[in-house]
Amino acid sequence: MDLSRVIIGQVVTEKAERLKGQRTYTLRVAKKATKIDVKAALKRYYDVEAVSVRVMCVASKTRSFRGGVMEKRHPFKKVMVTLEPKSKPLDIATFKT
């Protein structure tokens, strides 16, 4: 997989902001991305070392109504990355080529 397309963006929730103090970042990634791809992309494009990468798939959210079913949120894959203590903080805006 092309490493420049692995990380899509950051997940912004209250829990994700709270975990940043513990050097754990929540990121939205491509559907076909693996833990190895995420670690390699973080090392190559953001100069950070990841200690652990946890992957989870978020299911779609649907709503039923009389005429059928409507999808309110598309499914996506997210990861929770814990950085090494000596590593600098992760800044998604500083993508280097």
Protein backbone atom coordinates (compact mmCIF):
# COMPACT_ATOMS: atom_id res chain seq x y z
CA MET A 1 0.00 0.00 0.00
CA ASP A 2 1.17 3.54 -0.78
CA LEU A 3 2.34 4.91 2.59
CA SER A 4 1.41 8.49 1.74
CA ARG A 5 -2.28 7.45 1.59
CA VAL A 6 -2.40 5.40 4.82
CA ILE A 7 -3.27 8.16 7.30
CA ILE A 8 -6.42 10.05 6.35
CA GLY A 9 -6.75 12.36 9.34
CA GLN A 10 -7.24 12.76 13.04
CA VAL A 11 -10.29 11.69 15.02
CA VAL A 12 -11.44 14.63 17.16
CA THR A 13 -13.46 13.54 20.19
CA GLU A 14 -13.31 14.29 23.89
CA LYS A 15 -11.68 10.95 24.62
CA ALA A 16 -9.08 11.41 21.86
CA GLU A 17 -8.13 14.84 23.25
CA ARG A 18 -7.87 13.42 26.77
CA LEU A 19 -5.57 10.59 25.60
CA LYS A 20 -3.11 13.01 24.00
CA GLY A 21 -1.73 13.69 27.49
CA GLN A 22 -0.71 10.03 27.65
CA ARG A 23 0.96 10.25 24.20
CA THR A 24 -1.84 8.23 22.56
CA TYR A 25 -3.25 9.61 19.31
CA THR A 26 -6.39 8.49 17.47
CA LEU A 27 -6.15 8.53 13.68
CA ARG A 28 -8.47 7.66 10.81
CA VAL A 29 -6.73 5.39 8.30
CA ALA A 30 -7.42 3.73 4.95
CA LYS A 31 -9.56 0.57 4.90
CA LYS A 32 -6.70 -1.66 3.71
CA ALA A 33 -4.05 -0.23 6.06
CA THR A 34 -2.35 -2.58 8.51
CA LYS A 35 -0.48 -1.94 11.75
CA ILE A 36 2.82 -2.25 9.91
CA ASP A 37 1.71 0.30 7.28
CA VAL A 38 0.65 2.78 9.97
CA LYS A 39 3.95 2.45 11.87
CA ALA A 40 5.96 2.88 8.67
CA ALA A 41 3.94 5.91 7.56
CA LEU A 42 4.35 7.61 10.97
CA LYS A 43 8.10 7.01 10.88
CA ARG A 44 8.55 8.18 7.28
CA TYR A 45 6.23 11.19 7.07
CA TYR A 46 6.00 12.48 10.66
CA ASP A 47 9.34 11.40 12.28
CA VAL A 48 7.72 9.71 15.29
CA GLU A 49 8.25 6.23 16.75
CA ALA A 50 5.18 4.22 17.71
CA VAL A 51 5.32 1.78 20.62
CA SER A 52 1.90 0.24 19.99
CA VAL A 53 -0.77 0.45 17.31
CA ARG A 54 -4.32 -0.70 18.03
CA VAL A 55 -6.69 -1.08 15.08
CA MET A 56 -10.48 -0.98 15.18
CA CYS A 57 -13.19 -0.88 12.54
CA VAL A 58 -16.09 1.47 13.24
CA ALA A 59 -19.36 0.15 11.85
CA SER A 60 -21.79 2.25 9.88
CA LYS A 61 -24.72 3.84 11.64
CA THR A 62 -28.08 3.28 9.99
CA ARG A 63 -31.58 4.56 10.54
CA SER A 64 -34.74 2.76 9.50
CA PHE A 65 -37.80 4.58 8.28
CA ARG A 66 -40.98 3.62 6.47
CA GLY A 67 -39.49 3.70 2.97
CA GLY A 68 -36.29 1.77 3.77
CA VAL A 69 -32.94 2.22 5.45
CA MET A 70 -30.70 5.30 5.44
CA GLU A 71 -26.99 5.28 6.27
CA LYS A 72 -26.18 8.12 8.66
CA ARG A 73 -22.43 7.45 8.98
CA HIS A 74 -20.14 5.49 6.67
CA PRO A 75 -17.96 2.72 8.12
CA PHE A 76 -14.27 3.52 8.63
CA LYS A 77 -11.10 2.19 10.22
CA LYS A 78 -9.28 3.97 13.02
CA VAL A 79 -6.11 3.33 15.00
CA MET A 80 -4.89 4.36 18.42
CA VAL A 81 -1.14 4.95 18.34
CA THR A 82 0.99 5.23 21.48
CA LEU A 83 4.29 7.04 20.92
CA GLU A 84 7.63 6.42 22.62
CA PRO A 85 8.45 8.74 25.54
CA LYS A 86 11.51 10.15 23.72
CA SER A 87 9.55 10.82 20.52
CA LYS A 88 8.26 14.31 19.68
CA PRO A 89 4.47 14.99 19.81
CA LEU A 90 2.53 14.06 16.68
CA ASP A 91 1.38 16.99 14.51
CA ILE A 92 -0.69 15.81 11.56
CA ALA A 93 -0.34 19.18 9.80
CA THR A 94 3.42 18.69 9.33
CA PHE A 95 3.38 16.12 6.53
CA LYS A 96 6.87 15.90 5.06
CA THR A 97 7.64 14.40 1.68
